[in-house]
Amino acid sequence: MCKLKWDYALYLVTDRNYIGKRYLPDCVAEAIEGGVTLVQLREKTASSREFYALALAVKEVTSRYKVPLIINDRLDIALAVDADGLHLGQDDLPIEIARRYFGEDKVIGISVSNVREALQAEKEGADYLGAGAVFATGTKTDAELVTLGELQRIKEAVSIPVVAIGGIKKHNAPEVLSTGIDGISVVSAILAEEDIAGAARTLRDIVDKVKAGRGK
């Protein structure tokens, strides 16, 4: 899967706290059917063995749909399941070290909250940036908020794809996308919904409509 051809339009980050008794791989499949283009598996509290088993199950789904799977934070899990990508925060492994083991053909994304961090991440070899949190969110209560103005400056400062994350819902997605970013990253806006495929479809329609309008 060529990393240069990845579509960052609708980026799903998982959180099992939102799905109740539903099985995460099934939820991921529904989300992809609704239009999700990337999946990041994020497991902050799972044991290594549990994370590995879940990653294998989710990768079976993403591979079936030919959608890239990104692992949050854990280089060891990403390597163990041969994931397509790895997402790192500002306090995680340096990109240089992760790249040495993960390989040049794999994607590494970095979380940023300002232009300085964005430029540094691009300089160090990041393939894409996750910028946020744009709005307050229950998934990362300690996240520094990024204004829409700063989000636009981040996008204009770098040449790699930028996705926005943090409290993005269908009602505020258009204004976030108006900054020129490449896509939106969501958690509860899809996984907390009863109709996961429908929620994903609604968001994907919004992204596609805004992007189409840029060309006019």
N, C-alpha and C. Protein backbone atom coordinates (compact mmCIF):
# COMPACT_ATOMS: atom_id res chain seq x y z
N MET A 1 0.85 -1.20 0.00
CA MET A 1 0.00 0.00 0.00
C MET A 1 0.88 1.24 0.00
N CYS A 2 0.91 1.95 -1.12
CA CYS A 2 1.79 3.11 -1.26
C CYS A 2 1.36 4.23 -0.33
N LYS A 3 2.27 4.66 0.54
CA LYS A 3 1.90 5.66 1.54
C LYS A 3 1.61 7.03 0.93
N LEU A 4 2.13 7.27 -0.26
CA LEU A 4 1.90 8.56 -0.90
C LEU A 4 0.48 8.70 -1.43
N LYS A 5 -0.23 7.59 -1.54
CA LYS A 5 -1.59 7.62 -2.09
C LYS A 5 -2.66 7.51 -1.02
N TRP A 6 -2.27 7.61 0.24
CA TRP A 6 -3.25 7.51 1.32
C TRP A 6 -4.26 8.65 1.26
N ASP A 7 -5.50 8.32 1.58
CA ASP A 7 -6.57 9.31 1.63
C ASP A 7 -6.85 9.62 3.10
N TYR A 8 -6.62 10.86 3.50
CA TYR A 8 -6.77 11.26 4.90
C TYR A 8 -8.13 11.87 5.21
N ALA A 9 -9.08 11.77 4.29
CA ALA A 9 -10.36 12.46 4.41
C ALA A 9 -11.08 12.20 5.73
N LEU A 10 -11.28 10.93 6.07
CA LEU A 10 -12.02 10.59 7.30
C LEU A 10 -11.25 9.53 8.08
N TYR A 11 -10.62 9.97 9.14
CA TYR A 11 -9.65 9.20 9.92
C TYR A 11 -10.30 8.81 11.24
N LEU A 12 -10.54 7.51 11.42
CA LEU A 12 -11.16 7.02 12.65
C LEU A 12 -10.11 6.62 13.67
N VAL A 13 -10.25 7.15 14.89
CA VAL A 13 -9.42 6.72 16.02
C VAL A 13 -10.32 5.93 16.96
N THR A 14 -9.90 4.73 17.32
CA THR A 14 -10.77 3.86 18.12
C THR A 14 -10.71 4.17 19.61
N ASP A 15 -11.82 3.87 20.26
CA ASP A 15 -11.92 3.97 21.72
C ASP A 15 -13.08 3.07 22.13
N ARG A 16 -12.75 1.94 22.75
CA ARG A 16 -13.80 0.97 23.08
C ARG A 16 -14.77 1.46 24.14
N ASN A 17 -14.44 2.56 24.81
CA ASN A 17 -15.36 3.12 25.81
C ASN A 17 -16.67 3.57 25.19
N TYR A 18 -16.66 3.81 23.88
CA TYR A 18 -17.86 4.34 23.21
C TYR A 18 -18.74 3.28 22.57
N ILE A 19 -18.28 2.04 22.53
CA ILE A 19 -19.04 1.06 21.75
C ILE A 19 -19.85 0.08 22.59
N GLY A 20 -19.81 0.24 23.91
CA GLY A 20 -20.60 -0.64 24.75
C GLY A 20 -20.14 -2.09 24.63
N LYS A 21 -21.09 -2.98 24.39
CA LYS A 21 -20.79 -4.41 24.28
C LYS A 21 -20.50 -4.84 22.85
N ARG A 22 -20.48 -3.88 21.94
CA ARG A 22 -20.21 -4.22 20.54
C ARG A 22 -18.74 -4.61 20.37
N TYR A 23 -18.47 -5.41 19.36
CA TYR A 23 -17.12 -5.91 19.08
C TYR A 23 -16.40 -4.92 18.18
N LEU A 24 -15.25 -4.44 18.65
CA LEU A 24 -14.57 -3.36 17.94
C LEU A 24 -14.30 -3.65 16.46
N PRO A 25 -13.77 -4.81 16.09
CA PRO A 25 -13.54 -5.07 14.66
C PRO A 25 -14.81 -4.95 13.82
N ASP A 26 -15.96 -5.35 14.37
CA ASP A 26 -17.23 -5.19 13.65
C ASP A 26 -17.57 -3.71 13.48
N CYS A 27 -17.32 -2.93 14.53
CA CYS A 27 -17.58 -1.49 14.47
C CYS A 27 -16.68 -0.83 13.43
N VAL A 28 -15.42 -1.25 13.38
CA VAL A 28 -14.48 -0.72 12.40
C VAL A 28 -14.96 -1.03 10.98
N ALA A 29 -15.44 -2.24 10.78
CA ALA A 29 -15.95 -2.63 9.46
C ALA A 29 -17.12 -1.75 9.05
N GLU A 30 -18.04 -1.49 9.97
CA GLU A 30 -19.20 -0.63 9.68
C GLU A 30 -18.73 0.78 9.34
N ALA A 31 -17.75 1.28 10.09
CA ALA A 31 -17.24 2.63 9.85
C ALA A 31 -16.60 2.74 8.46
N ILE A 32 -15.85 1.72 8.08
CA ILE A 32 -15.22 1.73 6.75
C ILE A 32 -16.28 1.67 5.66
N GLU A 33 -17.31 0.87 5.88
CA GLU A 33 -18.40 0.79 4.91
C GLU A 33 -19.09 2.14 4.75
N GLY A 34 -19.07 2.94 5.82
CA GLY A 34 -19.67 4.26 5.77
C GLY A 34 -18.79 5.33 5.15
N GLY A 35 -17.50 5.01 4.95
CA GLY A 35 -16.63 5.98 4.29
C GLY A 35 -15.35 6.34 4.98
N VAL A 36 -15.04 5.69 6.12
CA VAL A 36 -13.76 5.94 6.80
C VAL A 36 -12.60 5.51 5.90
N THR A 37 -11.56 6.33 5.82
CA THR A 37 -10.44 6.07 4.92
C THR A 37 -9.17 5.61 5.62
N LEU A 38 -9.08 5.84 6.93
CA LEU A 38 -7.93 5.42 7.75
C LEU A 38 -8.44 5.00 9.12
N VAL A 39 -7.77 4.02 9.72
CA VAL A 39 -8.14 3.58 11.07
C VAL A 39 -6.90 3.57 11.96
N GLN A 40 -7.01 4.26 13.08
CA GLN A 40 -5.95 4.21 14.09
C GLN A 40 -6.47 3.45 15.30
N LEU A 41 -5.74 2.39 15.68
CA LEU A 41 -6.10 1.62 16.86
C LEU A 41 -5.39 2.22 18.07
N ARG A 42 -6.18 2.75 19.00
CA ARG A 42 -5.61 3.38 20.19
C ARG A 42 -6.10 2.63 21.43
N GLU A 43 -5.18 2.08 22.18
CA GLU A 43 -5.50 1.30 23.39
C GLU A 43 -4.57 1.75 24.51
N LYS A 44 -5.04 2.67 25.31
CA LYS A 44 -4.20 3.24 26.37
C LYS A 44 -4.12 2.36 27.61
N THR A 45 -5.11 1.50 27.82
CA THR A 45 -5.16 0.74 29.07
C THR A 45 -5.01 -0.77 28.87
N ALA A 46 -5.02 -1.23 27.64
CA ALA A 46 -4.93 -2.68 27.38
C ALA A 46 -3.53 -3.20 27.67
N SER A 47 -3.44 -4.46 28.07
CA SER A 47 -2.14 -5.10 28.23
C SER A 47 -1.55 -5.30 26.84
N SER A 48 -0.26 -5.57 26.78
CA SER A 48 0.39 -5.78 25.50
C SER A 48 -0.22 -6.96 24.75
N ARG A 49 -0.52 -8.03 25.48
CA ARG A 49 -1.11 -9.21 24.84
C ARG A 49 -2.50 -8.89 24.29
N GLU A 50 -3.28 -8.15 25.06
CA GLU A 50 -4.64 -7.79 24.62
C GLU A 50 -4.57 -6.85 23.41
N PHE A 51 -3.68 -5.89 23.48
CA PHE A 51 -3.51 -4.94 22.37
C PHE A 51 -3.11 -5.69 21.10
N TYR A 52 -2.19 -6.61 21.23
CA TYR A 52 -1.72 -7.39 20.08
C TYR A 52 -2.86 -8.20 19.46
N ALA A 53 -3.63 -8.89 20.29
CA ALA A 53 -4.74 -9.70 19.79
C ALA A 53 -5.79 -8.84 19.09
N LEU A 54 -6.08 -7.68 19.68
CA LEU A 54 -7.07 -6.79 19.09
C LEU A 54 -6.55 -6.20 17.78
N ALA A 55 -5.27 -5.88 17.75
CA ALA A 55 -4.66 -5.33 16.54
C ALA A 55 -4.73 -6.33 15.39
N LEU A 56 -4.49 -7.60 15.69
CA LEU A 56 -4.59 -8.64 14.66
C LEU A 56 -6.01 -8.72 14.11
N ALA A 57 -6.99 -8.66 15.01
CA ALA A 57 -8.39 -8.76 14.60
C ALA A 57 -8.82 -7.55 13.76
N VAL A 58 -8.38 -6.37 14.17
CA VAL A 58 -8.73 -5.16 13.43
C VAL A 58 -8.01 -5.14 12.08
N LYS A 59 -6.76 -5.59 12.07
CA LYS A 59 -6.01 -5.60 10.82
C LYS A 59 -6.65 -6.54 9.78
N GLU A 60 -7.25 -7.61 10.26
CA GLU A 60 -7.94 -8.51 9.35
C GLU A 60 -9.07 -7.76 8.63
N VAL A 61 -9.74 -6.88 9.36
CA VAL A 61 -10.81 -6.08 8.78
C VAL A 61 -10.26 -5.02 7.82
N THR A 62 -9.28 -4.26 8.27
CA THR A 62 -8.75 -3.19 7.43
C THR A 62 -8.10 -3.74 6.16
N SER A 63 -7.46 -4.89 6.28
CA SER A 63 -6.84 -5.50 5.09
C SER A 63 -7.91 -5.93 4.09
N ARG A 64 -9.01 -6.44 4.62
CA ARG A 64 -10.11 -6.88 3.74
C ARG A 64 -10.67 -5.71 2.93
N TYR A 65 -10.73 -4.56 3.56
CA TYR A 65 -11.27 -3.37 2.89
C TYR A 65 -10.18 -2.52 2.22
N LYS A 66 -8.92 -2.96 2.36
CA LYS A 66 -7.80 -2.22 1.79
C LYS A 66 -7.71 -0.79 2.33
N VAL A 67 -7.90 -0.68 3.64
CA VAL A 67 -7.79 0.60 4.35
C VAL A 67 -6.58 0.50 5.29
N PRO A 68 -5.71 1.50 5.32
CA PRO A 68 -4.52 1.44 6.18
C PRO A 68 -4.86 1.37 7.67
N LEU A 69 -4.08 0.59 8.40
CA LEU A 69 -4.20 0.50 9.85
C LEU A 69 -2.99 1.17 10.49
N ILE A 70 -3.27 2.10 11.40
CA ILE A 70 -2.24 2.82 12.13
C ILE A 70 -2.34 2.43 13.60
N ILE A 71 -1.22 2.18 14.23
CA ILE A 71 -1.18 1.86 15.66
C ILE A 71 -0.74 3.09 16.43
N ASN A 72 -1.46 3.39 17.50
CA ASN A 72 -1.12 4.54 18.33
C ASN A 72 -0.02 4.20 19.33
N ASP A 73 1.04 4.98 19.33
CA ASP A 73 2.12 4.93 20.33
C ASP A 73 3.05 3.71 20.27
N ARG A 74 2.50 2.53 20.11
CA ARG A 74 3.24 1.30 20.36
C ARG A 74 3.94 0.76 19.12
N LEU A 75 5.22 1.09 18.99
CA LEU A 75 6.03 0.59 17.88
C LEU A 75 6.09 -0.94 17.88
N ASP A 76 6.17 -1.54 19.07
CA ASP A 76 6.26 -2.99 19.14
C ASP A 76 5.02 -3.68 18.57
N ILE A 77 3.86 -3.13 18.88
CA ILE A 77 2.61 -3.70 18.35
C ILE A 77 2.52 -3.47 16.84
N ALA A 78 2.91 -2.29 16.40
CA ALA A 78 2.89 -1.97 14.97
C ALA A 78 3.77 -2.94 14.19
N LEU A 79 4.93 -3.24 14.74
CA LEU A 79 5.85 -4.19 14.10
C LEU A 79 5.29 -5.60 14.15
N ALA A 80 4.72 -5.98 15.28
CA ALA A 80 4.24 -7.34 15.49
C ALA A 80 3.11 -7.72 14.52
N VAL A 81 2.26 -6.74 14.18
CA VAL A 81 1.13 -7.05 13.29
C VAL A 81 1.36 -6.53 11.86
N ASP A 82 2.55 -5.99 11.62
CA ASP A 82 2.87 -5.42 10.31
C ASP A 82 1.85 -4.36 9.90
N ALA A 83 1.61 -3.42 10.83
CA ALA A 83 0.67 -2.33 10.57
C ALA A 83 1.21 -1.42 9.47
N ASP A 84 0.32 -0.65 8.88
CA ASP A 84 0.72 0.26 7.81
C ASP A 84 1.33 1.54 8.34
N GLY A 85 0.94 1.91 9.57
CA GLY A 85 1.42 3.16 10.12
C GLY A 85 1.53 3.16 11.63
N LEU A 86 2.18 4.18 12.14
CA LEU A 86 2.38 4.38 13.58
C LEU A 86 2.12 5.85 13.87
N HIS A 87 1.36 6.12 14.94
CA HIS A 87 1.12 7.52 15.31
C HIS A 87 1.77 7.80 16.66
N LEU A 88 2.56 8.86 16.72
CA LEU A 88 3.31 9.20 17.92
C LEU A 88 2.93 10.58 18.44
N GLY A 89 2.95 10.73 19.77
CA GLY A 89 2.74 12.02 20.39
C GLY A 89 4.05 12.73 20.63
N GLN A 90 3.97 13.92 21.17
CA GLN A 90 5.17 14.72 21.42
C GLN A 90 6.08 14.08 22.47
N ASP A 91 5.55 13.25 23.34
CA ASP A 91 6.34 12.63 24.41
C ASP A 91 6.70 11.17 24.13
N ASP A 92 6.39 10.71 22.93
CA ASP A 92 6.68 9.32 22.58
C ASP A 92 8.07 9.19 21.97
N LEU A 93 8.37 8.02 21.42
CA LEU A 93 9.67 7.79 20.78
C LEU A 93 9.99 8.86 19.74
N PRO A 94 11.25 9.27 19.62
CA PRO A 94 11.63 10.19 18.55
C PRO A 94 11.36 9.53 17.18
N ILE A 95 10.97 10.34 16.21
CA ILE A 95 10.67 9.79 14.87
C ILE A 95 11.86 9.03 14.32
N GLU A 96 13.06 9.57 14.51
CA GLU A 96 14.27 8.95 13.96
C GLU A 96 14.42 7.50 14.43
N ILE A 97 14.15 7.26 15.71
CA ILE A 97 14.28 5.91 16.27
C ILE A 97 13.17 5.01 15.73
N ALA A 98 11.95 5.54 15.73
CA ALA A 98 10.82 4.76 15.23
C ALA A 98 11.02 4.39 13.76
N ARG A 99 11.52 5.32 12.98
CA ARG A 99 11.74 5.09 11.55
C ARG A 99 12.81 4.01 11.34
N ARG A 100 13.83 4.02 12.16
CA ARG A 100 14.93 3.06 12.02
C ARG A 100 14.41 1.63 12.08
N TYR A 101 13.45 1.39 12.96
CA TYR A 101 12.92 0.03 13.12
C TYR A 101 11.69 -0.23 12.26
N PHE A 102 10.90 0.80 12.04
CA PHE A 102 9.62 0.62 11.34
C PHE A 102 9.79 0.58 9.82
N GLY A 103 10.78 1.32 9.32
CA GLY A 103 11.06 1.27 7.89
C GLY A 103 10.60 2.50 7.12
N GLU A 104 11.25 2.73 6.00
CA GLU A 104 10.94 3.91 5.17
C GLU A 104 9.62 3.79 4.44
N ASP A 105 9.16 2.56 4.22
CA ASP A 105 7.93 2.36 3.45
C ASP A 105 6.68 2.47 4.32
N LYS A 106 6.86 2.63 5.63
CA LYS A 106 5.73 2.76 6.55
C LYS A 106 5.45 4.23 6.86
N VAL A 107 4.23 4.49 7.28
CA VAL A 107 3.81 5.86 7.59
C VAL A 107 3.95 6.15 9.08
N ILE A 108 4.51 7.30 9.40
CA ILE A 108 4.59 7.76 10.78
C ILE A 108 3.93 9.13 10.88
N GLY A 109 2.92 9.22 11.74
CA GLY A 109 2.24 10.48 11.98
C GLY A 109 2.59 11.03 13.34
N ILE A 110 2.53 12.34 13.48
CA ILE A 110 2.90 13.00 14.74
C ILE A 110 1.79 13.95 15.18
N SER A 111 1.49 13.94 16.47
CA SER A 111 0.54 14.89 17.03
C SER A 111 1.23 16.23 17.25
N VAL A 112 0.58 17.31 16.81
CA VAL A 112 1.13 18.65 16.99
C VAL A 112 0.03 19.60 17.44
N SER A 113 0.45 20.71 18.06
CA SER A 113 -0.53 21.70 18.50
C SER A 113 -0.16 23.12 18.09
N ASN A 114 0.94 23.26 17.36
CA ASN A 114 1.32 24.60 16.88
C ASN A 114 2.26 24.47 15.68
N VAL A 115 2.55 25.61 15.07
CA VAL A 115 3.38 25.61 13.87
C VAL A 115 4.80 25.14 14.16
N ARG A 116 5.34 25.51 15.30
CA ARG A 116 6.70 25.09 15.64
C ARG A 116 6.82 23.57 15.67
N GLU A 117 5.88 22.93 16.37
CA GLU A 117 5.90 21.47 16.44
C GLU A 117 5.69 20.85 15.06
N ALA A 118 4.84 21.47 14.26
CA ALA A 118 4.55 20.95 12.92
C ALA A 118 5.79 20.99 12.04
N LEU A 119 6.49 22.11 12.05
CA LEU A 119 7.70 22.24 11.23
C LEU A 119 8.78 21.27 11.69
N GLN A 120 8.90 21.09 13.01
CA GLN A 120 9.90 20.18 13.55
C GLN A 120 9.58 18.74 13.14
N ALA A 121 8.31 18.37 13.23
CA ALA A 121 7.90 17.01 12.87
C ALA A 121 8.15 16.73 11.40
N GLU A 122 7.84 17.71 10.55
CA GLU A 122 8.09 17.53 9.12
C GLU A 122 9.59 17.40 8.85
N LYS A 123 10.38 18.23 9.52
CA LYS A 123 11.84 18.19 9.35
C LYS A 123 12.40 16.83 9.76
N GLU A 124 11.81 16.23 10.79
CA GLU A 124 12.32 14.95 11.30
C GLU A 124 11.81 13.75 10.51
N GLY A 125 10.92 14.01 9.55
CA GLY A 125 10.50 12.93 8.67
C GLY A 125 9.09 12.41 8.84
N ALA A 126 8.23 13.16 9.53
CA ALA A 126 6.84 12.73 9.67
C ALA A 126 6.16 12.69 8.30
N ASP A 127 5.25 11.74 8.13
CA ASP A 127 4.52 11.62 6.87
C ASP A 127 3.22 12.39 6.89
N TYR A 128 2.66 12.60 8.08
CA TYR A 128 1.45 13.41 8.22
C TYR A 128 1.39 13.94 9.65
N LEU A 129 0.50 14.91 9.88
CA LEU A 129 0.35 15.50 11.19
C LEU A 129 -1.09 15.38 11.68
N GLY A 130 -1.25 15.11 12.97
CA GLY A 130 -2.56 15.17 13.60
C GLY A 130 -2.58 16.41 14.47
N ALA A 131 -3.34 17.41 14.07
CA ALA A 131 -3.33 18.71 14.77
C ALA A 131 -4.56 18.86 15.66
N GLY A 132 -4.32 19.20 16.91
CA GLY A 132 -5.44 19.36 17.82
C GLY A 132 -4.96 19.45 19.26
N ALA A 133 -5.90 19.48 20.18
CA ALA A 133 -7.32 19.30 19.97
C ALA A 133 -7.97 20.63 19.53
N VAL A 134 -8.84 20.52 18.53
CA VAL A 134 -9.51 21.71 18.01
C VAL A 134 -10.62 22.16 18.95
N PHE A 135 -11.34 21.19 19.50
CA PHE A 135 -12.38 21.47 20.49
C PHE A 135 -12.15 20.56 21.70
N ALA A 136 -12.71 20.92 22.83
CA ALA A 136 -12.57 20.09 24.03
C ALA A 136 -13.16 18.71 23.76
N THR A 137 -12.49 17.69 24.26
CA THR A 137 -12.92 16.32 24.00
C THR A 137 -12.73 15.44 25.22
N GLY A 138 -13.60 14.47 25.36
CA GLY A 138 -13.53 13.56 26.50
C GLY A 138 -12.44 12.52 26.37
N THR A 139 -11.91 12.32 25.16
CA THR A 139 -10.90 11.27 24.97
C THR A 139 -9.51 11.73 25.39
N LYS A 140 -9.26 13.05 25.34
CA LYS A 140 -7.96 13.57 25.79
C LYS A 140 -8.21 14.86 26.56
N THR A 141 -8.48 14.70 27.85
CA THR A 141 -8.87 15.85 28.67
C THR A 141 -7.73 16.83 28.91
N ASP A 142 -6.48 16.39 28.71
CA ASP A 142 -5.34 17.27 28.97
C ASP A 142 -4.81 17.93 27.70
N ALA A 143 -5.52 17.74 26.58
CA ALA A 143 -5.03 18.25 25.31
C ALA A 143 -5.10 19.78 25.24
N GLU A 144 -4.06 20.36 24.66
CA GLU A 144 -4.02 21.81 24.45
C GLU A 144 -4.88 22.15 23.24
N LEU A 145 -5.78 23.13 23.40
CA LEU A 145 -6.68 23.46 22.30
C LEU A 145 -5.96 24.26 21.22
N VAL A 146 -6.29 23.95 19.98
CA VAL A 146 -5.70 24.62 18.82
C VAL A 146 -6.80 25.42 18.12
N THR A 147 -6.59 26.70 17.95
CA THR A 147 -7.59 27.52 17.28
C THR A 147 -7.65 27.19 15.79
N LEU A 148 -8.76 27.55 15.17
CA LEU A 148 -8.89 27.31 13.73
C LEU A 148 -7.85 28.12 12.96
N GLY A 149 -7.51 29.29 13.49
CA GLY A 149 -6.48 30.11 12.85
C GLY A 149 -5.12 29.42 12.89
N GLU A 150 -4.78 28.82 14.03
CA GLU A 150 -3.52 28.09 14.15
C GLU A 150 -3.54 26.83 13.28
N LEU A 151 -4.69 26.21 13.19
CA LEU A 151 -4.83 25.02 12.34
C LEU A 151 -4.53 25.37 10.88
N GLN A 152 -5.05 26.51 10.45
CA GLN A 152 -4.79 26.96 9.08
C GLN A 152 -3.32 27.30 8.88
N ARG A 153 -2.70 27.91 9.89
CA ARG A 153 -1.28 28.25 9.79
C ARG A 153 -0.42 26.98 9.73
N ILE A 154 -0.82 25.96 10.49
CA ILE A 154 -0.09 24.69 10.45
C ILE A 154 -0.17 24.10 9.05
N LYS A 155 -1.36 24.08 8.48
CA LYS A 155 -1.55 23.51 7.14
C LYS A 155 -0.72 24.27 6.11
N GLU A 156 -0.67 25.59 6.22
CA GLU A 156 0.06 26.41 5.26
C GLU A 156 1.58 26.31 5.44
N ALA A 157 2.01 25.91 6.65
CA ALA A 157 3.45 25.89 6.94
C ALA A 157 4.15 24.62 6.47
N VAL A 158 3.38 23.54 6.26
CA VAL A 158 4.00 22.26 5.92
C VAL A 158 3.51 21.76 4.57
N SER A 159 4.24 20.80 4.03
CA SER A 159 3.87 20.23 2.73
C SER A 159 3.30 18.82 2.86
N ILE A 160 3.22 18.31 4.09
CA ILE A 160 2.67 16.97 4.31
C ILE A 160 1.20 17.08 4.75
N PRO A 161 0.42 16.01 4.63
CA PRO A 161 -1.00 16.06 5.01
C PRO A 161 -1.21 16.41 6.48
N VAL A 162 -2.31 17.13 6.72
CA VAL A 162 -2.68 17.52 8.09
C VAL A 162 -4.13 17.11 8.33
N VAL A 163 -4.36 16.39 9.42
CA VAL A 163 -5.73 16.07 9.84
C VAL A 163 -5.98 16.74 11.18
N ALA A 164 -7.19 17.21 11.36
CA ALA A 164 -7.55 17.85 12.62
C ALA A 164 -8.24 16.83 13.52
N ILE A 165 -8.02 16.94 14.82
CA ILE A 165 -8.64 16.04 15.78
C ILE A 165 -9.07 16.80 17.02
N GLY A 166 -10.09 16.27 17.68
CA GLY A 166 -10.50 16.86 18.95
C GLY A 166 -11.89 17.45 18.92
N GLY A 167 -12.88 16.69 19.37
CA GLY A 167 -14.24 17.21 19.49
C GLY A 167 -14.93 17.54 18.18
N ILE A 168 -14.48 16.97 17.10
CA ILE A 168 -15.08 17.27 15.79
C ILE A 168 -16.34 16.44 15.59
N LYS A 169 -17.43 17.14 15.29
CA LYS A 169 -18.74 16.51 15.05
C LYS A 169 -19.28 17.01 13.71
N LYS A 170 -20.41 16.48 13.31
CA LYS A 170 -20.96 16.88 12.02
C LYS A 170 -21.33 18.36 11.97
N HIS A 171 -21.69 18.96 13.12
CA HIS A 171 -22.11 20.37 13.11
C HIS A 171 -20.93 21.33 13.00
N ASN A 172 -19.72 20.90 13.44
CA ASN A 172 -18.58 21.83 13.36
C ASN A 172 -17.53 21.39 12.34
N ALA A 173 -17.73 20.24 11.72
CA ALA A 173 -16.77 19.75 10.74
C ALA A 173 -16.54 20.72 9.57
N PRO A 174 -17.61 21.36 9.03
CA PRO A 174 -17.38 22.27 7.90
C PRO A 174 -16.43 23.41 8.22
N GLU A 175 -16.54 24.02 9.41
CA GLU A 175 -15.65 25.13 9.73
C GLU A 175 -14.22 24.66 9.94
N VAL A 176 -14.06 23.45 10.46
CA VAL A 176 -12.72 22.89 10.62
C VAL A 176 -12.10 22.65 9.25
N LEU A 177 -12.87 22.07 8.35
CA LEU A 177 -12.38 21.77 7.00
C LEU A 177 -12.13 23.03 6.18
N SER A 178 -12.77 24.13 6.57
CA SER A 178 -12.59 25.39 5.84
C SER A 178 -11.17 25.93 5.98
N THR A 179 -10.38 25.37 6.90
CA THR A 179 -8.99 25.82 7.08
C THR A 179 -8.07 25.26 6.00
N GLY A 180 -8.59 24.35 5.19
CA GLY A 180 -7.78 23.79 4.10
C GLY A 180 -7.09 22.48 4.43
N ILE A 181 -7.35 21.93 5.61
CA ILE A 181 -6.73 20.68 6.02
C ILE A 181 -7.16 19.51 5.12
N ASP A 182 -6.45 18.41 5.26
CA ASP A 182 -6.67 17.26 4.37
C ASP A 182 -7.77 16.33 4.84
N GLY A 183 -8.13 16.42 6.12
CA GLY A 183 -9.17 15.54 6.62
C GLY A 183 -9.45 15.76 8.09
N ILE A 184 -10.44 15.04 8.59
CA ILE A 184 -10.80 15.15 10.01
C ILE A 184 -10.63 13.78 10.67
N SER A 185 -10.21 13.82 11.92
CA SER A 185 -10.03 12.61 12.71
C SER A 185 -11.06 12.62 13.82
N VAL A 186 -11.83 11.54 13.94
CA VAL A 186 -12.93 11.51 14.89
C VAL A 186 -12.93 10.21 15.70
N VAL A 187 -13.57 10.28 16.84
CA VAL A 187 -13.72 9.11 17.70
C VAL A 187 -15.21 8.92 17.98
N SER A 188 -15.74 9.69 18.92
CA SER A 188 -17.12 9.51 19.36
C SER A 188 -18.15 9.87 18.28
N ALA A 189 -17.79 10.77 17.37
CA ALA A 189 -18.73 11.17 16.32
C ALA A 189 -19.15 10.00 15.45
N ILE A 190 -18.37 8.93 15.49
CA ILE A 190 -18.72 7.71 14.76
C ILE A 190 -19.02 6.57 15.73
N LEU A 191 -18.09 6.28 16.63
CA LEU A 191 -18.21 5.09 17.47
C LEU A 191 -19.30 5.18 18.55
N ALA A 192 -19.68 6.38 18.95
CA ALA A 192 -20.72 6.52 19.97
C ALA A 192 -22.12 6.44 19.38
N GLU A 193 -22.20 6.42 18.06
CA GLU A 193 -23.51 6.41 17.39
C GLU A 193 -24.04 4.99 17.25
N GLU A 194 -25.36 4.87 17.32
CA GLU A 194 -26.00 3.56 17.13
C GLU A 194 -25.76 3.05 15.72
N ASP A 195 -25.91 3.95 14.75
CA ASP A 195 -25.69 3.61 13.34
C ASP A 195 -24.29 4.10 12.95
N ILE A 196 -23.31 3.26 13.15
CA ILE A 196 -21.93 3.65 12.90
C ILE A 196 -21.68 3.95 11.43
N ALA A 197 -22.17 3.11 10.56
CA ALA A 197 -21.99 3.33 9.11
C ALA A 197 -22.67 4.61 8.67
N GLY A 198 -23.85 4.87 9.20
CA GLY A 198 -24.58 6.09 8.85
C GLY A 198 -23.87 7.34 9.32
N ALA A 199 -23.31 7.28 10.55
CA ALA A 199 -22.58 8.42 11.09
C ALA A 199 -21.34 8.70 10.25
N ALA A 200 -20.64 7.63 9.87
CA ALA A 200 -19.45 7.79 9.02
C ALA A 200 -19.83 8.37 7.66
N ARG A 201 -20.93 7.89 7.12
CA ARG A 201 -21.38 8.35 5.80
C ARG A 201 -21.71 9.85 5.82
N THR A 202 -22.36 10.28 6.90
CA THR A 202 -22.70 11.70 7.02
C THR A 202 -21.45 12.56 7.06
N LEU A 203 -20.47 12.15 7.86
CA LEU A 203 -19.22 12.91 7.96
C LEU A 203 -18.45 12.89 6.64
N ARG A 204 -18.42 11.74 6.00
CA ARG A 204 -17.71 11.64 4.71
C ARG A 204 -18.34 12.54 3.67
N ASP A 205 -19.66 12.61 3.67
CA ASP A 205 -20.35 13.50 2.72
C ASP A 205 -19.97 14.95 2.97
N ILE A 206 -19.84 15.32 4.24
CA ILE A 206 -19.45 16.69 4.59
C ILE A 206 -18.04 16.98 4.09
N VAL A 207 -17.13 16.06 4.34
CA VAL A 207 -15.73 16.23 3.90
C VAL A 207 -15.67 16.36 2.38
N ASP A 208 -16.35 15.47 1.69
CA ASP A 208 -16.31 15.48 0.22
C ASP A 208 -16.91 16.76 -0.34
N LYS A 209 -17.98 17.24 0.29
CA LYS A 209 -18.63 18.46 -0.20
C LYS A 209 -17.73 19.68 -0.01
N VAL A 210 -17.09 19.79 1.15
CA VAL A 210 -16.21 20.93 1.40
C VAL A 210 -15.00 20.88 0.47
N LYS A 211 -14.43 19.71 0.30
CA LYS A 211 -13.26 19.58 -0.57
C LYS A 211 -13.63 19.90 -2.02
N ALA A 212 -14.81 19.47 -2.45
CA ALA A 212 -15.24 19.76 -3.81
C ALA A 212 -15.43 21.26 -4.01
N GLY A 213 -15.87 21.95 -2.95
CA GLY A 213 -16.10 23.38 -3.04
C GLY A 213 -14.82 24.18 -3.15
N ARG A 214 -13.71 23.60 -2.70
CA ARG A 214 -12.42 24.32 -2.78
C ARG A 214 -11.98 24.53 -4.20
N GLY A 215 -12.42 23.65 -5.09
CA GLY A 215 -11.97 23.75 -6.47
C GLY A 215 -12.75 24.74 -7.30
N LYS A 216 -13.79 25.32 -6.70
CA LYS A 216 -14.62 26.26 -7.47
C LYS A 216 -14.03 27.66 -7.50
